[in-house]
Structures are given as structure tokens and as C-alpha cells.
Amino acid sequence: MKQFIKSLPKYGECFRYLCSMFPKVSEAKLKEGVFTGPDIRKLLFDSLFSETMGDKEKEAWDSFKHVVHRFLENTKDPLYKTIVQRMLTAYEAQGCNNSSYVSK
């Protein structure tokens, strides 16, 4: 999540939406992608947030949501490696800095 937020254009519609959604969070924290669990859940269920994104941003966000729902919740999808790899690929296309490794 942090890398995704940091890769967003700071003057773009998506980042402005984040600022309006979390007015009490400092701009510095928003720019660095510092969010609490409840804030992340709020974004996961906000359909308007994804509507402010471009194609690459939306693909990266959707893949992040897929990882959360299929891997980080109580059940672990048998295809979790594929799901995580898809997210990493989408993040790379978005311009996120990742130093993650997924073993095959």
C-alpha cells in the first residue's frame, strides 16, 4: 500500500481524493503512504477511490485488493504465489519501488 501511494502523482486526481478523504492526516504522511489498518480498510471498500485512477493505477490497486482478500485475510488461496506475483508486476508497471522476492 505504501509503495502504491508513494507512486501516485502528488497533484493528480487520485492523490487529491486521498487528501479530501483523510483531512486530519498530514500531507507528509499521505505523501509517504502512512496509513492505519482502519484507513486501509476504508479505502478498500471505497469505489470512488478507484474511479479517480488511471488504467495502470487501477490495475495496481485492484491487484493489491486481490492480495488482501485472497492472501492476507483468514484464508490463503492455493494460488497465492500467482496472485502476489501479479500484484508485483502491476506495481512495477505503476512505477512502485519493490524489493520483494516470490519464490517459485
Protein backbone atom coordinates (compact mmCIF):
# COMPACT_ATOMS: atom_id res chain seq x y z
CA MET A 1 0.00 0.00 0.00
CA LYS A 2 2.77 2.40 0.98
CA GLN A 3 4.66 1.94 -2.28
CA PHE A 4 1.45 2.34 -4.29
CA ILE A 5 0.57 5.66 -2.62
CA LYS A 6 4.14 6.94 -2.99
CA SER A 7 3.99 6.24 -6.74
CA LEU A 8 0.86 8.36 -7.28
CA PRO A 9 1.30 11.79 -8.91
CA LYS A 10 1.08 14.23 -5.99
CA TYR A 11 -1.03 16.70 -7.96
CA GLY A 12 -3.22 14.07 -9.60
CA GLU A 13 -6.91 13.47 -9.01
CA CYS A 14 -6.31 10.26 -7.05
CA PHE A 15 -3.96 11.89 -4.53
CA ARG A 16 -6.29 14.89 -4.14
CA TYR A 17 -9.10 12.43 -3.39
CA LEU A 18 -6.96 10.88 -0.63
CA CYS A 19 -6.36 14.33 0.86
CA SER A 20 -10.09 15.05 0.91
CA MET A 21 -10.89 11.61 2.34
CA PHE A 22 -8.40 11.95 5.21
CA PRO A 23 -8.35 15.68 6.05
CA LYS A 24 -6.88 15.11 9.54
CA VAL A 25 -3.88 13.17 8.22
CA SER A 26 -0.93 15.42 7.41
CA GLU A 27 0.09 15.83 3.79
CA ALA A 28 3.54 14.49 4.66
CA LYS A 29 2.04 11.23 5.96
CA LEU A 30 -0.17 10.97 2.88
CA LYS A 31 2.80 11.51 0.54
CA GLU A 32 4.73 8.78 2.35
CA GLY A 33 1.76 6.40 2.29
CA VAL A 34 1.43 6.09 6.08
CA PHE A 35 -2.00 4.62 6.83
CA THR A 36 -3.53 2.69 9.71
CA GLY A 37 -5.44 -0.57 9.31
CA PRO A 38 -8.86 1.13 9.53
CA ASP A 39 -7.78 3.70 6.91
CA ILE A 40 -6.69 0.94 4.55
CA ARG A 41 -9.99 -0.92 5.04
CA LYS A 42 -11.86 2.31 4.34
CA LEU A 43 -10.01 2.68 1.03
CA LEU A 44 -10.51 -0.97 0.10
CA PHE A 45 -14.28 -0.57 0.22
CA ASP A 46 -14.43 2.89 -1.37
CA SER A 47 -15.50 2.55 -5.00
CA LEU A 48 -14.96 6.26 -5.69
CA PHE A 49 -11.25 5.95 -4.90
CA SER A 50 -10.63 3.59 -7.81
CA GLU A 51 -12.66 5.82 -10.14
CA THR A 52 -10.08 8.60 -9.68
CA MET A 53 -7.28 6.37 -11.02
CA GLY A 54 -5.78 5.90 -14.43
CA ASP A 55 -5.50 2.46 -16.03
CA LYS A 56 -2.11 1.48 -14.57
CA GLU A 57 -3.04 2.81 -11.13
CA LYS A 58 -6.34 0.94 -11.19
CA GLU A 59 -4.67 -2.31 -12.22
CA ALA A 60 -2.13 -1.99 -9.38
CA TRP A 61 -4.87 -1.10 -6.87
CA ASP A 62 -7.10 -3.99 -7.96
CA SER A 63 -4.20 -6.42 -7.65
CA PHE A 64 -3.46 -5.09 -4.14
CA LYS A 65 -7.11 -5.60 -3.17
CA HIS A 66 -6.97 -9.12 -4.59
CA VAL A 67 -3.91 -9.93 -2.44
CA VAL A 68 -5.65 -8.57 0.66
CA HIS A 69 -8.80 -10.60 0.08
CA ARG A 70 -7.17 -13.83 -1.17
CA PHE A 71 -3.98 -13.96 0.87
CA LEU A 72 -3.91 -11.64 3.88
CA GLU A 73 -7.34 -12.43 5.30
CA ASN A 74 -8.18 -15.61 7.22
CA THR A 75 -7.99 -17.92 4.21
CA LYS A 76 -4.99 -18.45 1.97
CA ASP A 77 -5.76 -19.01 -1.70
CA PRO A 78 -3.89 -22.03 -3.12
CA LEU A 79 -2.73 -19.79 -5.98
CA TYR A 80 -1.31 -17.15 -3.62
CA LYS A 81 2.08 -17.05 -5.36
CA THR A 82 0.42 -16.19 -8.67
CA ILE A 83 -1.74 -13.55 -7.00
CA VAL A 84 1.25 -11.90 -5.30
CA GLN A 85 3.33 -12.08 -8.49
CA ARG A 86 0.52 -10.37 -10.42
CA MET A 87 0.48 -7.57 -7.83
CA LEU A 88 4.26 -7.13 -8.03
CA THR A 89 4.08 -6.96 -11.83
CA ALA A 90 1.29 -4.36 -11.69
CA TYR A 91 3.23 -2.37 -9.08
CA GLU A 92 6.32 -2.42 -11.29
CA ALA A 93 4.26 -1.12 -14.24
CA GLN A 94 2.92 1.62 -11.95
CA GLY A 95 6.47 2.66 -11.06
CA CYS A 96 6.50 1.43 -7.47
CA ASN A 97 9.80 0.56 -5.83
CA ASN A 98 9.70 -3.10 -4.85
CA SER A 99 12.48 -5.23 -3.49
CA SER A 100 10.26 -8.25 -2.92
CA TYR A 101 11.04 -11.76 -3.99
CA VAL A 102 8.50 -14.50 -4.64
CA SER A 103 9.96 -18.00 -4.75
CA LYS A 104 8.64 -20.37 -7.38
